[in-house]
Amino acid sequence: MVFVVLEVNVSARQDTSPAWLSAANFLVLFLYFVETILKLFALRSEFFFDPLSVLDLFVITVDCVVTTIVLFMPVSLAPLVLARVARVLKVTRALRMLVIFPEMNVLVKGIFFASKTIWWGVTLLVALLCFWSIFATLFIHPIVMELE
């Protein structure tokens, strides 16, 4: 995830990516690739019944294809937006944390179920902020204008 953030910052500045960042991306991609191949070998056909495993396979395949294209055609290509999408898709691997850590799953579900309450709380705060800004404009602003 840190590499994705660094790469997005470099691309936003329209700067060239440092060599160590490219090497780190290759290393991480290689490790993900090996992990997926070993998981596919271990689970065999059950691998394709796990939606997160299939998502990982898709993300890694897209990233491998894009990395290969960029490696062999280093010219400025318009479809390099696909490369950025592939990098962002790597973040989806963080979804694994919901499965690996049950506490994280409970936390996310709790936030999801509390979102309606949070929405109405934010709406109430905005309404109160509007009320106090109107109050300040009507009563405090004339006093400040007299002091100047």
Protein backbone atom coordinates (compact mmCIF):
# COMPACT_ATOMS: atom_id res chain seq x y z
CA MET A 1 0.00 0.00 0.00
CA VAL A 2 2.89 2.35 0.77
CA PHE A 3 4.35 1.73 -2.68
CA VAL A 4 1.01 2.53 -4.31
CA VAL A 5 0.84 5.84 -2.43
CA LEU A 6 4.42 6.72 -3.37
CA GLU A 7 3.81 5.83 -7.01
CA VAL A 8 0.64 7.91 -7.14
CA ASN A 9 2.54 10.88 -5.66
CA VAL A 10 5.29 10.53 -8.26
CA SER A 11 2.80 10.31 -11.11
CA ALA A 12 0.82 13.28 -9.79
CA ARG A 13 3.99 15.38 -9.90
CA GLN A 14 4.55 14.05 -13.43
CA ASP A 15 8.00 12.98 -12.30
CA THR A 16 9.93 9.84 -13.20
CA SER A 17 9.68 6.96 -10.80
CA PRO A 18 12.84 6.23 -8.79
CA ALA A 19 14.62 2.97 -9.59
CA TRP A 20 14.18 1.62 -6.05
CA LEU A 21 10.39 2.10 -6.29
CA SER A 22 10.23 0.16 -9.56
CA ALA A 23 12.38 -2.59 -8.06
CA ALA A 24 10.17 -2.72 -4.96
CA ASN A 25 7.05 -2.96 -7.15
CA PHE A 26 8.61 -5.84 -9.10
CA LEU A 27 9.52 -7.60 -5.87
CA VAL A 28 6.04 -7.20 -4.38
CA LEU A 29 4.43 -8.32 -7.64
CA PHE A 30 6.72 -11.37 -7.72
CA LEU A 31 5.85 -12.25 -4.11
CA TYR A 32 2.11 -11.89 -4.82
CA PHE A 33 2.53 -14.01 -7.94
CA VAL A 34 4.34 -16.78 -6.05
CA GLU A 35 1.77 -16.65 -3.26
CA THR A 36 -1.10 -17.00 -5.72
CA ILE A 37 0.56 -19.86 -7.60
CA LEU A 38 1.25 -21.73 -4.33
CA LYS A 39 -2.31 -21.13 -3.16
CA LEU A 40 -3.65 -22.34 -6.51
CA PHE A 41 -1.46 -25.45 -6.24
CA ALA A 42 -2.56 -26.12 -2.66
CA LEU A 43 -6.29 -25.52 -3.07
CA ARG A 44 -6.60 -26.79 -6.65
CA SER A 45 -10.22 -26.39 -7.83
CA GLU A 46 -11.37 -24.94 -4.48
CA PHE A 47 -9.28 -21.87 -5.32
CA PHE A 48 -11.86 -20.76 -7.88
CA PHE A 49 -14.74 -20.97 -5.39
CA ASP A 50 -13.21 -18.30 -3.13
CA PRO A 51 -14.17 -14.86 -4.50
CA LEU A 52 -11.18 -13.13 -2.86
CA SER A 53 -8.78 -15.62 -4.40
CA VAL A 54 -10.27 -15.04 -7.84
CA LEU A 55 -10.03 -11.27 -7.26
CA ASP A 56 -6.38 -11.65 -6.29
CA LEU A 57 -5.72 -13.72 -9.40
CA PHE A 58 -7.38 -11.07 -11.57
CA VAL A 59 -5.47 -8.19 -9.93
CA ILE A 60 -2.14 -9.97 -10.20
CA THR A 61 -2.78 -11.00 -13.81
CA VAL A 62 -3.68 -7.43 -14.82
CA ASP A 63 -0.65 -6.09 -12.97
CA CYS A 64 1.66 -8.64 -14.63
CA VAL A 65 0.34 -7.74 -18.08
CA VAL A 66 0.64 -4.00 -17.47
CA THR A 67 4.11 -4.36 -15.96
CA THR A 68 5.22 -6.41 -18.96
CA ILE A 69 3.84 -3.81 -21.37
CA VAL A 70 5.57 -0.99 -19.52
CA LEU A 71 8.80 -2.98 -19.30
CA PHE A 72 9.03 -3.72 -23.02
CA MET A 73 7.47 -0.48 -24.29
CA PRO A 74 8.78 2.29 -22.07
CA VAL A 75 7.43 4.99 -24.36
CA SER A 76 4.66 7.25 -23.21
CA LEU A 77 1.45 5.37 -23.90
CA ALA A 78 -2.05 6.68 -23.34
CA PRO A 79 -3.26 3.32 -21.97
CA LEU A 80 -0.88 3.72 -19.05
CA VAL A 81 -3.95 4.80 -17.14
CA LEU A 82 -4.53 1.07 -16.98
CA ALA A 83 -1.24 0.81 -15.10
CA ARG A 84 -2.51 3.22 -12.48
CA VAL A 85 -5.75 1.26 -12.20
CA ALA A 86 -3.74 -1.94 -11.73
CA ARG A 87 -1.75 -0.31 -8.95
CA VAL A 88 -4.93 0.85 -7.23
CA LEU A 89 -6.40 -2.62 -7.59
CA LYS A 90 -3.56 -3.90 -5.43
CA VAL A 91 -5.21 -2.08 -2.57
CA THR A 92 -8.12 -4.48 -2.87
CA ARG A 93 -5.87 -7.11 -1.34
CA ALA A 94 -6.50 -5.26 1.90
CA LEU A 95 -9.96 -6.83 1.80
CA ARG A 96 -8.25 -9.99 3.01
CA MET A 97 -7.95 -8.38 6.42
CA LEU A 98 -11.72 -8.64 6.77
CA VAL A 99 -11.50 -12.40 6.39
CA ILE A 100 -8.27 -12.99 8.29
CA PHE A 101 -9.17 -10.90 11.33
CA PRO A 102 -12.76 -11.46 12.54
CA GLU A 103 -12.48 -8.39 14.77
CA MET A 104 -11.88 -6.22 11.69
CA ASN A 105 -14.95 -7.75 10.05
CA VAL A 106 -17.06 -6.93 13.10
CA LEU A 107 -15.66 -3.38 13.16
CA VAL A 108 -16.47 -2.71 9.50
CA LYS A 109 -19.96 -4.15 9.88
CA GLY A 110 -20.49 -1.97 12.95
CA ILE A 111 -19.41 1.14 11.04
CA PHE A 112 -21.69 0.18 8.16
CA PHE A 113 -24.70 -0.28 10.45
CA ALA A 114 -23.92 2.95 12.30
CA SER A 115 -23.67 4.96 9.08
CA LYS A 116 -27.33 6.06 9.22
CA THR A 117 -26.83 7.41 12.73
CA ILE A 118 -23.58 9.07 11.69
CA TRP A 119 -25.34 10.67 8.70
CA TRP A 120 -28.04 12.21 10.87
CA GLY A 121 -25.45 13.36 13.40
CA VAL A 122 -23.49 15.13 10.67
CA THR A 123 -26.70 16.66 9.31
CA LEU A 124 -27.55 17.98 12.78
CA LEU A 125 -24.05 19.44 13.19
CA VAL A 126 -24.27 21.19 9.81
CA ALA A 127 -27.67 22.64 10.75
CA LEU A 128 -26.29 23.90 14.07
CA LEU A 129 -23.25 25.37 12.34
CA CYS A 130 -25.53 27.19 9.89
CA PHE A 131 -27.66 28.49 12.77
CA TRP A 132 -24.65 29.84 14.67
CA SER A 133 -23.16 31.39 11.54
CA ILE A 134 -26.43 33.22 10.87
CA PHE A 135 -26.52 34.29 14.52
CA ALA A 136 -22.95 35.58 14.34
CA THR A 137 -23.63 37.42 11.10
CA LEU A 138 -26.75 39.09 12.43
CA PHE A 139 -25.59 40.03 15.93
CA ILE A 140 -21.79 39.94 16.16
CA HIS A 141 -20.85 41.37 12.75
CA PRO A 142 -22.49 44.78 13.36
CA ILE A 143 -20.59 45.11 16.66
CA VAL A 144 -17.30 44.30 14.94
CA MET A 145 -18.06 46.81 12.19
CA GLU A 146 -18.62 49.55 14.84
CA LEU A 147 -15.27 48.77 16.49
CA GLU A 148 -13.39 49.34 13.24
